[in-house]
Amino acid sequence: MEKTAVSVKIYNETYMLRTEASQGDVMAVAELVDRKMQQLAEQKQITDTGRLAVWTALDLAGELYRLRKDYDRLLAVAKER
């Protein structure tokens, strides 16, 4: 698949990304990250962008981890049937 350039805005910064993912998927993920950064900045009163990026990564990774555990549990139940 060919890579295309997609411009996204996250936490008031514009990034030009070269990716094989669809533009719609890239925009959706960027919006998710932007929303999470805005939310955490407000909740935790974080002003340092680097620190905020780490908090955001940890928060999203925690969500992914929980979803994978749920998926594995559901898959195991489905295989038992």
Protein backbone atom coordinates (compact mmCIF):
# COMPACT_ATOMS: atom_id res chain seq x y z
CA MET A 1 0.00 0.00 0.00
CA GLU A 2 1.25 3.47 -0.84
CA LYS A 3 1.96 6.03 1.85
CA THR A 4 0.12 9.32 1.74
CA ALA A 5 0.62 12.54 3.68
CA VAL A 6 -2.05 13.55 6.18
CA SER A 7 -2.02 16.79 8.15
CA VAL A 8 -3.41 16.59 11.68
CA LYS A 9 -3.67 19.07 14.53
CA ILE A 10 -3.04 17.78 18.04
CA TYR A 11 -2.95 20.05 21.07
CA ASN A 12 -2.56 23.17 18.92
CA GLU A 13 0.35 21.73 16.93
CA THR A 14 0.15 20.65 13.29
CA TYR A 15 1.83 17.43 12.21
CA MET A 16 2.31 16.11 8.69
CA LEU A 17 2.18 12.32 8.84
CA ARG A 18 3.15 9.92 6.07
CA THR A 19 1.17 6.73 6.52
CA GLU A 20 -0.47 3.80 4.80
CA ALA A 21 -3.57 4.20 6.97
CA SER A 22 -6.64 5.86 5.52
CA GLN A 23 -7.01 9.60 6.01
CA GLY A 24 -10.24 9.00 7.93
CA ASP A 25 -8.53 6.61 10.35
CA VAL A 26 -5.60 8.98 10.88
CA MET A 27 -7.93 11.91 11.52
CA ALA A 28 -10.01 9.85 13.98
CA VAL A 29 -6.93 8.76 15.94
CA ALA A 30 -5.55 12.31 15.97
CA GLU A 31 -8.88 13.61 17.29
CA LEU A 32 -8.83 10.95 20.01
CA VAL A 33 -5.32 11.95 21.07
CA ASP A 34 -6.17 15.66 20.96
CA ARG A 35 -9.30 15.15 23.07
CA LYS A 36 -7.40 13.05 25.60
CA MET A 37 -4.61 15.64 25.85
CA GLN A 38 -7.11 18.46 26.35
CA GLN A 39 -8.96 16.43 28.99
CA LEU A 40 -5.84 15.46 30.93
CA ALA A 41 -4.37 18.97 30.75
CA GLU A 42 -7.52 20.30 32.38
CA GLN A 43 -7.99 17.50 34.91
CA LYS A 44 -4.39 17.29 36.07
CA GLN A 45 -3.42 20.92 35.48
CA ILE A 46 -0.44 19.88 33.33
CA THR A 47 1.14 22.72 31.37
CA ASP A 48 4.31 21.00 30.11
CA THR A 49 3.53 19.47 26.71
CA GLY A 50 6.10 16.68 27.02
CA ARG A 51 4.76 15.63 30.41
CA LEU A 52 1.21 15.84 29.07
CA ALA A 53 2.16 13.64 26.09
CA VAL A 54 3.50 10.96 28.46
CA TRP A 55 0.35 11.08 30.62
CA THR A 56 -1.74 10.78 27.45
CA ALA A 57 0.30 7.83 26.17
CA LEU A 58 -0.02 6.07 29.53
CA ASP A 59 -3.75 6.72 29.70
CA LEU A 60 -4.38 5.44 26.17
CA ALA A 61 -2.05 2.45 26.69
CA GLY A 62 -3.96 1.57 29.86
CA GLU A 63 -7.21 1.68 27.93
CA LEU A 64 -5.74 -0.53 25.20
CA TYR A 65 -4.43 -2.96 27.82
CA ARG A 66 -7.89 -3.28 29.44
CA LEU A 67 -9.56 -3.76 26.05
CA ARG A 68 -7.08 -6.49 25.07
CA LYS A 69 -7.69 -8.30 28.36
CA ASP A 70 -11.45 -8.10 27.76
CA TYR A 71 -11.00 -9.32 24.19
CA ASP A 72 -8.85 -12.27 25.29
CA ARG A 73 -11.41 -13.18 27.95
CA LEU A 74 -14.28 -13.03 25.43
CA LEU A 75 -12.28 -15.03 22.91
CA ALA A 76 -11.60 -17.73 25.49
CA VAL A 77 -15.32 -17.92 26.34
CA ALA A 78 -16.23 -18.15 22.65
CA LYS A 79 -13.74 -20.98 22.09
CA GLU A 80 -15.23 -22.95 25.00
CA ARG A 81 -18.61 -23.10 23.27
